[in-house]
Protein backbone atom coordinates (compact mmCIF):
# COMPACT_ATOMS: atom_id res chain seq x y z
CA MET A 1 0.35 -0.11 0.18
CA ASN A 2 1.07 3.70 -0.69
CA PRO A 3 2.38 4.97 2.59
CA SER A 4 1.00 8.33 1.27
CA LEU A 5 -2.74 6.97 1.52
CA LEU A 6 -2.44 5.62 5.24
CA HIS A 7 -1.03 9.14 6.30
CA LEU A 8 -4.15 10.64 4.39
CA MET A 9 -6.39 8.32 6.22
CA HIS A 10 -4.41 9.59 9.43
CA LEU A 11 -5.23 12.71 8.91
CA VAL A 12 -9.11 12.55 8.40
CA SER A 13 -9.50 10.15 10.84
CA PRO A 14 -12.14 11.15 13.54
CA ALA A 15 -9.70 10.31 16.15
CA LEU A 16 -7.29 12.93 15.17
CA PRO A 17 -6.73 15.12 18.21
CA VAL A 18 -7.65 18.60 16.66
CA GLY A 19 -11.30 18.76 18.25
CA ALA A 20 -13.43 18.79 15.15
CA TYR A 21 -16.03 16.77 17.16
CA ALA A 22 -16.88 20.01 19.09
CA TYR A 23 -18.05 21.98 16.34
CA SER A 24 -21.58 22.18 14.68
CA GLN A 25 -20.53 25.44 12.18
CA GLY A 26 -24.11 27.02 12.84
CA MET A 27 -26.21 23.46 12.62
CA GLU A 28 -26.99 23.72 16.37
CA TYR A 29 -28.96 26.87 16.38
CA ALA A 30 -30.36 25.99 12.86
CA VAL A 31 -31.97 22.94 14.51
CA GLU A 32 -33.15 25.10 17.40
CA LEU A 33 -35.00 27.43 14.74
CA GLY A 34 -36.38 24.35 13.16
CA TYR A 35 -34.76 23.99 10.02
CA LEU A 36 -33.96 20.67 10.22
CA PRO A 37 -36.70 18.51 11.41
CA ASP A 38 -35.29 15.20 9.40
CA LYS A 39 -32.82 13.54 7.46
CA ALA A 40 -34.13 15.32 4.27
CA SER A 41 -33.34 18.98 5.76
CA ALA A 42 -30.30 17.92 7.46
CA GLN A 43 -29.06 16.40 4.00
CA GLN A 44 -30.34 19.84 2.12
CA TRP A 45 -28.24 21.91 4.83
CA ILE A 46 -25.17 20.15 4.74
CA GLU A 47 -25.01 19.90 0.73
CA GLY A 48 -25.81 23.85 0.44
CA VAL A 49 -23.36 24.58 2.80
CA MET A 50 -20.56 22.40 1.09
CA GLN A 51 -21.51 23.71 -2.44
CA HIS A 52 -21.44 27.15 -1.43
CA SER A 53 -19.11 27.60 1.25
CA ILE A 54 -16.71 24.63 1.16
CA SER A 55 -15.77 24.47 -2.46
CA HIS A 56 -15.79 28.16 -3.08
CA LEU A 57 -13.44 28.72 -0.36
CA ASP A 58 -11.84 25.82 1.94
CA LEU A 59 -10.98 23.80 -0.85
CA PRO A 60 -9.63 26.22 -3.25
CA VAL A 61 -7.56 27.72 -0.79
CA LEU A 62 -6.39 24.52 0.59
CA ALA A 63 -4.92 23.89 -2.93
CA ARG A 64 -3.46 27.08 -3.29
CA LEU A 65 -2.00 26.39 0.34
CA TYR A 66 -0.53 22.97 -0.70
CA ASP A 67 1.11 24.31 -3.73
CA SER A 68 2.67 26.99 -1.81
CA TRP A 69 4.20 24.41 0.38
CA GLN A 70 5.44 22.44 -2.47
CA GLN A 71 7.05 25.18 -3.68
CA GLN A 72 8.35 26.67 -0.40
CA ASP A 73 6.72 30.03 -1.15
CA LEU A 74 6.22 31.01 2.62
CA GLU A 75 5.04 34.64 1.30
CA GLN A 76 2.25 32.63 -0.40
CA VAL A 77 1.53 30.29 2.02
CA ASN A 78 1.02 33.36 4.62
CA HIS A 79 -1.20 35.37 2.38
CA TRP A 80 -3.79 32.22 1.60
CA ASN A 81 -3.54 31.49 5.32
CA GLN A 82 -4.67 35.51 6.20
CA PHE A 83 -6.91 35.19 3.49
CA LEU A 84 -8.76 31.76 4.65
CA LEU A 85 -8.93 33.31 8.46
CA ALA A 86 -9.94 37.08 7.10
CA SER A 87 -12.78 35.56 5.10
CA ARG A 88 -14.44 33.84 8.48
CA GLU A 89 -17.83 35.69 8.35
CA SER A 90 -18.14 35.53 12.57
CA ALA A 91 -16.12 35.13 15.29
CA GLU A 92 -17.22 31.64 16.27
CA PHE A 93 -15.78 30.66 12.58
CA GLU A 94 -12.56 32.06 12.93
CA LEU A 95 -12.36 30.88 16.54
CA GLU A 96 -12.84 27.18 15.45
CA ASP A 97 -10.67 27.46 12.31
CA THR A 98 -7.65 28.99 14.72
CA GLN A 99 -8.02 26.51 17.39
CA MET A 100 -8.44 23.66 15.01
CA GLY A 101 -5.49 24.86 13.40
CA ARG A 102 -3.27 25.25 16.50
CA ALA A 103 -4.30 21.95 17.78
CA LEU A 104 -3.00 20.68 14.09
CA ILE A 105 0.22 22.33 14.12
CA ARG A 106 0.83 21.26 18.02
CA LEU A 107 0.17 17.73 16.77
CA LEU A 108 2.67 17.88 13.42
CA VAL A 109 5.14 19.58 15.92
CA SER A 110 5.05 16.39 17.70
CA LEU A 111 5.10 13.99 14.67
CA GLU A 112 8.62 15.88 13.59
CA LEU A 113 7.33 17.92 10.81
CA LEU A 114 10.31 20.61 10.60
CA ALA A 115 7.78 23.07 8.92
CA ALA A 116 5.58 23.00 11.68
CA ALA A 117 8.25 23.38 14.46
CA ASP A 118 8.92 26.84 12.25
CA TRP A 119 5.68 27.91 12.22
CA PRO A 120 5.47 31.16 14.40
CA ARG A 121 4.06 30.43 17.71
CA GLN A 122 2.33 33.86 17.90
CA GLN A 123 1.08 33.57 14.26
CA PRO A 124 -2.55 31.84 13.95
CA SER A 125 -2.89 29.12 11.53
CA SER A 126 -5.78 27.82 9.47
CA PHE A 127 -6.59 24.27 9.51
CA ALA A 128 -6.36 24.29 6.26
CA ASN A 129 -2.67 25.60 6.51
CA GLY A 130 -1.77 22.59 8.39
CA PHE A 131 -3.52 20.04 6.62
CA ALA A 132 -1.74 21.30 3.40
CA MET A 133 1.43 21.23 5.17
CA ALA A 134 1.01 17.76 6.11
CA GLY A 135 -0.28 16.85 2.86
CA VAL A 136 3.21 17.87 1.24
CA TYR A 137 5.42 16.53 4.12
CA TRP A 138 3.42 13.04 3.53
CA SER A 139 3.64 13.32 -0.27
CA VAL A 140 -0.27 12.99 -0.59
CA ASP A 141 -1.33 14.16 -4.12
CA LYS A 142 -3.32 17.11 -3.87
CA ALA A 143 -6.64 16.02 -5.61
CA SER A 144 -6.83 13.19 -2.76
CA LEU A 145 -6.00 15.85 0.13
CA LEU A 146 -9.23 18.18 -1.29
CA HIS A 147 -11.15 14.67 -1.09
CA GLY A 148 -9.80 13.40 2.30
CA PHE A 149 -10.57 17.34 3.62
CA CYS A 150 -14.13 17.38 2.39
CA TRP A 151 -14.93 13.66 3.28
CA SER A 152 -13.74 15.09 7.00
CA TRP A 153 -15.47 17.99 7.12
CA LEU A 154 -18.81 15.98 5.69
CA GLU A 155 -18.02 13.36 8.21
CA ASN A 156 -17.90 15.96 11.13
CA GLN A 157 -21.23 17.55 9.98
CA VAL A 158 -22.85 14.47 9.63
CA ALA A 159 -21.94 13.36 13.34
CA ALA A 160 -23.30 16.69 14.96
CA ALA A 161 -26.49 15.91 12.76
CA THR A 162 -26.73 12.63 14.46
CA LYS A 163 -26.73 14.31 17.84
CA LEU A 164 -28.84 17.40 16.88
CA VAL A 165 -31.60 16.63 14.65
CA PRO A 166 -31.05 13.64 15.61
CA LEU A 167 -30.77 10.84 13.46
CA GLY A 168 -30.21 7.26 13.91
CA GLN A 169 -27.01 5.41 13.33
CA THR A 170 -28.33 3.82 9.80
CA GLN A 171 -29.81 7.34 8.72
CA ALA A 172 -26.34 8.96 9.18
CA GLN A 173 -24.49 6.08 6.99
CA GLN A 174 -27.60 6.73 4.55
CA LEU A 175 -26.76 10.49 4.28
CA LEU A 176 -23.04 9.70 4.24
CA VAL A 177 -23.53 7.70 0.79
CA ASP A 178 -26.13 10.35 -0.42
CA LEU A 179 -23.72 12.85 -0.47
CA MET A 180 -20.80 11.11 -1.77
CA PRO A 181 -21.05 12.37 -5.11
CA ALA A 182 -21.45 16.01 -3.77
CA VAL A 183 -17.66 15.40 -2.47
CA GLU A 184 -16.55 14.66 -5.93
CA HIS A 185 -18.89 17.56 -7.19
CA CYS A 186 -17.33 19.98 -5.17
CA CYS A 187 -13.30 18.94 -5.26
CA GLN A 188 -13.55 19.25 -8.96
CA GLN A 189 -15.22 22.66 -8.49
CA ALA A 190 -12.78 23.82 -6.50
CA LEU A 191 -9.94 23.03 -8.59
CA SER A 192 -11.50 25.02 -11.48
CA LEU A 193 -11.86 28.44 -9.51
CA SER A 194 -9.82 31.37 -10.55
CA ASP A 195 -8.73 33.68 -7.01
CA ASP A 196 -11.22 36.35 -8.10
CA ASN A 197 -14.01 33.68 -7.89
CA LEU A 198 -12.86 32.59 -4.17
CA GLY A 199 -15.45 33.26 -1.21
CA ALA A 200 -18.12 31.87 0.78
CA GLY A 201 -21.70 32.95 -0.10
CA LEU A 202 -24.20 32.29 2.58
CA PRO A 203 -24.84 35.33 4.47
CA ALA A 204 -27.80 33.37 6.27
CA LEU A 205 -25.29 30.95 8.00
CA ALA A 206 -23.06 33.99 9.35
CA LEU A 207 -26.30 35.31 10.82
CA ILE A 208 -27.10 31.79 12.28
CA SER A 209 -23.40 31.37 13.61
CA ALA A 210 -23.44 34.91 15.34
CA GLN A 211 -26.62 34.15 16.82
CA HIS A 212 -25.22 30.80 18.39
CA GLU A 213 -22.86 32.70 20.17
CA THR A 214 -25.72 33.29 22.62
CA GLN A 215 -27.89 30.24 22.04
CA TYR A 216 -29.38 29.43 25.70
CA SER A 217 -27.88 25.67 25.80
CA ARG A 218 -25.04 24.56 23.72
CA LEU A 219 -23.45 21.21 22.78
CA PHE A 220 -21.51 22.44 20.23
CA ARG A 221 -18.40 25.33 20.10
CA SER A 222 -19.78 26.85 17.01
């Protein structure tokens, strides 16, 4: 087996200690508002966020970070890392990204990645930045890395929906299978976008994320 595939499986594992399980990315408040009463509405929600946010922001920026790390162009690494963090539309979304990024960089340092050890301690890192850094170090090809990143995001969203909607375990697995074609579409779309076409386009999600900050009771941090 190609060792890079095992490293990719390691990166996308739910057991990776970066705290991804603690975030719902606004879904918790959407459930509170009654927007997601069942599996069908949860699927529509997740697919919409994937197609109009993840595929237009996180994935194409991840691809650019991958290229920048591969070329050892730290100026471009910093540019795209800062671009991604600046594109977060709520304090919760930004905090989620920097906390997961910090956790991933810390893990990569413990796994002896020199680039992670050299990352300035006071400089925030997006999660995608650390993901790209690890992908280049472990020779995971760019397309596979994007698929892994998107799948990891999807799996975390379905796990959140399982607790919040709630969904049964069988429904959750059906949802993952139903959304597999969307993963492929989003990754292909992300690789086709020019720099001028990057950015999330879900203002209602940003508002829901902001409202989640003051939700009376919360299971998730975002």
